[in-house]
Amino acid sequence: MGMAPSEFWQLTYAELRLVLEGCNERRRRELKFRRNMDAWLAAVIVQPHVKERITPAMLTGEDSAEKQKGRVVAAFDKAAKSKRLMRKTPDSKNLFKRGSNV
């Protein structure tokens, strides 16, 4: 916590709780910073050896749920758009046959 024993013993329970919450928050931020730096370094090292782009967020798992949700929604949108287009085409089976002029 970084305080002298005399300072510690003068704290009330509420003040002690606030000091501990601050220490925990600082520790969480430091760990997140280190994890992000490690992920960035790993992405830089791995990138030349893979075809698709690797980002630090892919390695840490951040935003993966959002991206996966976006990919699923995009796939459903694409399928729905294809179905709508197929319904709008009057004779989609004969569209590309020889001799058919549309």
C-alpha atoms as a PDB file:
ATOM      1  CA  MET A   1       0.000   0.000   0.000  1.00  0.00           C
ATOM      2  CA  GLY A   2       3.001   2.263   0.351  1.00  0.00           C
ATOM      3  CA  MET A   3       2.292   3.855   3.716  1.00  0.00           C
ATOM      4  CA  ALA A   4       4.001   3.915   7.062  1.00  0.00           C
ATOM      5  CA  PRO A   5       2.611   1.750   9.876  1.00  0.00           C
ATOM      6  CA  SER A   6       1.644   4.852  11.868  1.00  0.00           C
ATOM      7  CA  GLU A   7      -0.421   6.123   8.913  1.00  0.00           C
ATOM      8  CA  PHE A   8      -2.043   2.703   8.542  1.00  0.00           C
ATOM      9  CA  TRP A   9      -3.191   2.553  12.161  1.00  0.00           C
ATOM     10  CA  GLN A  10      -4.716   6.039  11.967  1.00  0.00           C
ATOM     11  CA  LEU A  11      -7.068   5.081   9.105  1.00  0.00           C
ATOM     12  CA  THR A  12     -10.740   4.406   9.669  1.00  0.00           C
ATOM     13  CA  TYR A  13     -12.343   1.334   8.083  1.00  0.00           C
ATOM     14  CA  ALA A  14     -13.888   3.453   5.317  1.00  0.00           C
ATOM     15  CA  GLU A  15     -10.535   5.078   4.525  1.00  0.00           C
ATOM     16  CA  LEU A  16      -8.788   1.707   4.570  1.00  0.00           C
ATOM     17  CA  ARG A  17     -11.382   0.322   2.164  1.00  0.00           C
ATOM     18  CA  LEU A  18     -10.813   3.256  -0.214  1.00  0.00           C
ATOM     19  CA  VAL A  19      -7.036   2.791  -0.056  1.00  0.00           C
ATOM     20  CA  LEU A  20      -7.379  -0.921  -0.811  1.00  0.00           C
ATOM     21  CA  GLU A  21      -9.791  -0.280  -3.700  1.00  0.00           C
ATOM     22  CA  GLY A  22      -7.312   2.229  -5.146  1.00  0.00           C
ATOM     23  CA  CYS A  23      -4.457  -0.262  -4.830  1.00  0.00           C
ATOM     24  CA  ASN A  24      -6.533  -2.978  -6.513  1.00  0.00           C
ATOM     25  CA  GLU A  25      -7.538  -0.652  -9.357  1.00  0.00           C
ATOM     26  CA  ARG A  26      -3.916   0.397  -9.923  1.00  0.00           C
ATOM     27  CA  ARG A  27      -2.859  -3.257  -9.983  1.00  0.00           C
ATOM     28  CA  ARG A  28      -5.624  -4.133 -12.490  1.00  0.00           C
ATOM     29  CA  ARG A  29      -4.524  -1.287 -14.782  1.00  0.00           C
ATOM     30  CA  GLU A  30      -0.877  -2.369 -14.586  1.00  0.00           C
ATOM     31  CA  LEU A  31      -1.759  -5.983 -15.397  1.00  0.00           C
ATOM     32  CA  LYS A  32      -3.966  -4.934 -18.308  1.00  0.00           C
ATOM     33  CA  PHE A  33      -1.177  -2.713 -19.656  1.00  0.00           C
ATOM     34  CA  ARG A  34       1.336  -5.560 -19.414  1.00  0.00           C
ATOM     35  CA  ARG A  35      -1.083  -8.006 -21.057  1.00  0.00           C
ATOM     36  CA  ASN A  36      -1.696  -5.581 -23.921  1.00  0.00           C
ATOM     37  CA  MET A  37       2.032  -5.001 -24.404  1.00  0.00           C
ATOM     38  CA  ASP A  38       2.679  -8.751 -24.451  1.00  0.00           C
ATOM     39  CA  ALA A  39      -0.151  -9.265 -26.954  1.00  0.00           C
ATOM     40  CA  TRP A  40       1.213  -6.481 -29.164  1.00  0.00           C
ATOM     41  CA  LEU A  41       4.683  -8.014 -29.115  1.00  0.00           C
ATOM     42  CA  ALA A  42       3.300 -11.477 -29.885  1.00  0.00           C
ATOM     43  CA  ALA A  43       1.244 -10.069 -32.774  1.00  0.00           C
ATOM     44  CA  VAL A  44       4.315  -8.351 -34.229  1.00  0.00           C
ATOM     45  CA  ILE A  45       6.344 -11.560 -33.981  1.00  0.00           C
ATOM     46  CA  VAL A  46       3.638 -13.851 -35.412  1.00  0.00           C
ATOM     47  CA  GLN A  47       2.377 -11.545 -38.186  1.00  0.00           C
ATOM     48  CA  PRO A  48       5.006 -12.395 -40.860  1.00  0.00           C
ATOM     49  CA  HIS A  49       4.211 -16.099 -40.513  1.00  0.00           C
ATOM     50  CA  VAL A  50       0.428 -16.044 -41.031  1.00  0.00           C
ATOM     51  CA  LYS A  51      -1.786 -15.018 -43.932  1.00  0.00           C
ATOM     52  CA  GLU A  52      -4.481 -13.075 -42.112  1.00  0.00           C
ATOM     53  CA  ARG A  53      -3.881  -9.990 -40.032  1.00  0.00           C
ATOM     54  CA  ILE A  54      -3.288 -10.670 -36.336  1.00  0.00           C
ATOM     55  CA  THR A  55      -4.184  -7.960 -33.837  1.00  0.00           C
ATOM     56  CA  PRO A  56      -3.427  -7.782 -30.122  1.00  0.00           C
ATOM     57  CA  ALA A  57      -7.178  -7.839 -29.418  1.00  0.00           C
ATOM     58  CA  MET A  58      -7.388 -11.215 -31.181  1.00  0.00           C
ATOM     59  CA  LEU A  59      -4.729 -12.601 -28.868  1.00  0.00           C
ATOM     60  CA  THR A  60      -6.165 -11.206 -25.644  1.00  0.00           C
ATOM     61  CA  GLY A  61      -9.756 -12.075 -26.492  1.00  0.00           C
ATOM     62  CA  GLU A  62     -10.972  -8.495 -26.148  1.00  0.00           C
ATOM     63  CA  ASP A  63     -13.863  -7.562 -28.410  1.00  0.00           C
ATOM     64  CA  SER A  64     -14.015 -11.104 -29.735  1.00  0.00           C
ATOM     65  CA  ALA A  65     -17.646 -11.495 -28.714  1.00  0.00           C
ATOM     66  CA  GLU A  66     -18.544  -8.244 -30.470  1.00  0.00           C
ATOM     67  CA  LYS A  67     -16.674  -9.233 -33.621  1.00  0.00           C
ATOM     68  CA  GLN A  68     -18.189 -12.714 -33.665  1.00  0.00           C
ATOM     69  CA  LYS A  69     -21.627 -11.215 -33.184  1.00  0.00           C
ATOM     70  CA  GLY A  70     -20.957  -8.822 -36.061  1.00  0.00           C
ATOM     71  CA  ARG A  71     -19.803 -11.661 -38.309  1.00  0.00           C
ATOM     72  CA  VAL A  72     -22.896 -13.722 -37.523  1.00  0.00           C
ATOM     73  CA  VAL A  73     -25.195 -10.762 -38.154  1.00  0.00           C
ATOM     74  CA  ALA A  74     -23.382 -10.017 -41.424  1.00  0.00           C
ATOM     75  CA  ALA A  75     -23.772 -13.642 -42.539  1.00  0.00           C
ATOM     76  CA  PHE A  76     -27.494 -13.592 -41.764  1.00  0.00           C
ATOM     77  CA  ASP A  77     -27.890 -10.266 -43.561  1.00  0.00           C
ATOM     78  CA  LYS A  78     -26.101 -11.650 -46.611  1.00  0.00           C
ATOM     79  CA  ALA A  79     -28.288 -14.777 -46.645  1.00  0.00           C
ATOM     80  CA  ALA A  80     -31.451 -12.705 -46.234  1.00  0.00           C
ATOM     81  CA  LYS A  81     -30.387 -10.372 -49.046  1.00  0.00           C
ATOM     82  CA  SER A  82     -29.727 -13.358 -51.321  1.00  0.00           C
ATOM     83  CA  LYS A  83     -33.178 -14.768 -50.555  1.00  0.00           C
ATOM     84  CA  ARG A  84     -34.823 -11.425 -51.312  1.00  0.00           C
ATOM     85  CA  LEU A  85     -32.956 -11.166 -54.610  1.00  0.00           C
ATOM     86  CA  MET A  86     -33.950 -14.717 -55.559  1.00  0.00           C
ATOM     87  CA  ARG A  87     -37.602 -13.907 -54.828  1.00  0.00           C
ATOM     88  CA  LYS A  88     -37.451 -10.749 -56.952  1.00  0.00           C
ATOM     89  CA  THR A  89     -35.992 -12.594 -59.945  1.00  0.00           C
ATOM     90  CA  PRO A  90     -38.959 -13.933 -61.950  1.00  0.00           C
ATOM     91  CA  ASP A  91     -37.311 -17.024 -63.369  1.00  0.00           C
ATOM     92  CA  SER A  92     -33.995 -17.384 -61.615  1.00  0.00           C
ATOM     93  CA  LYS A  93     -33.364 -20.935 -62.864  1.00  0.00           C
ATOM     94  CA  ASN A  94     -33.563 -19.951 -66.509  1.00  0.00           C
ATOM     95  CA  LEU A  95     -31.734 -16.658 -66.086  1.00  0.00           C
ATOM     96  CA  PHE A  96     -28.375 -17.846 -67.376  1.00  0.00           C
ATOM     97  CA  LYS A  97     -29.490 -20.303 -70.067  1.00  0.00           C
ATOM     98  CA  ARG A  98     -28.468 -19.748 -73.656  1.00  0.00           C
ATOM     99  CA  GLY A  99     -30.838 -17.847 -75.783  1.00  0.00           C
ATOM    100  CA  SER A 100     -32.677 -16.194 -72.923  1.00  0.00           C
ATOM    101  CA  ASN A 101     -32.835 -12.448 -73.372  1.00  0.00           C
ATOM    102  CA  VAL A 102     -33.927 -10.574 -70.339  1.00  0.00           C
END
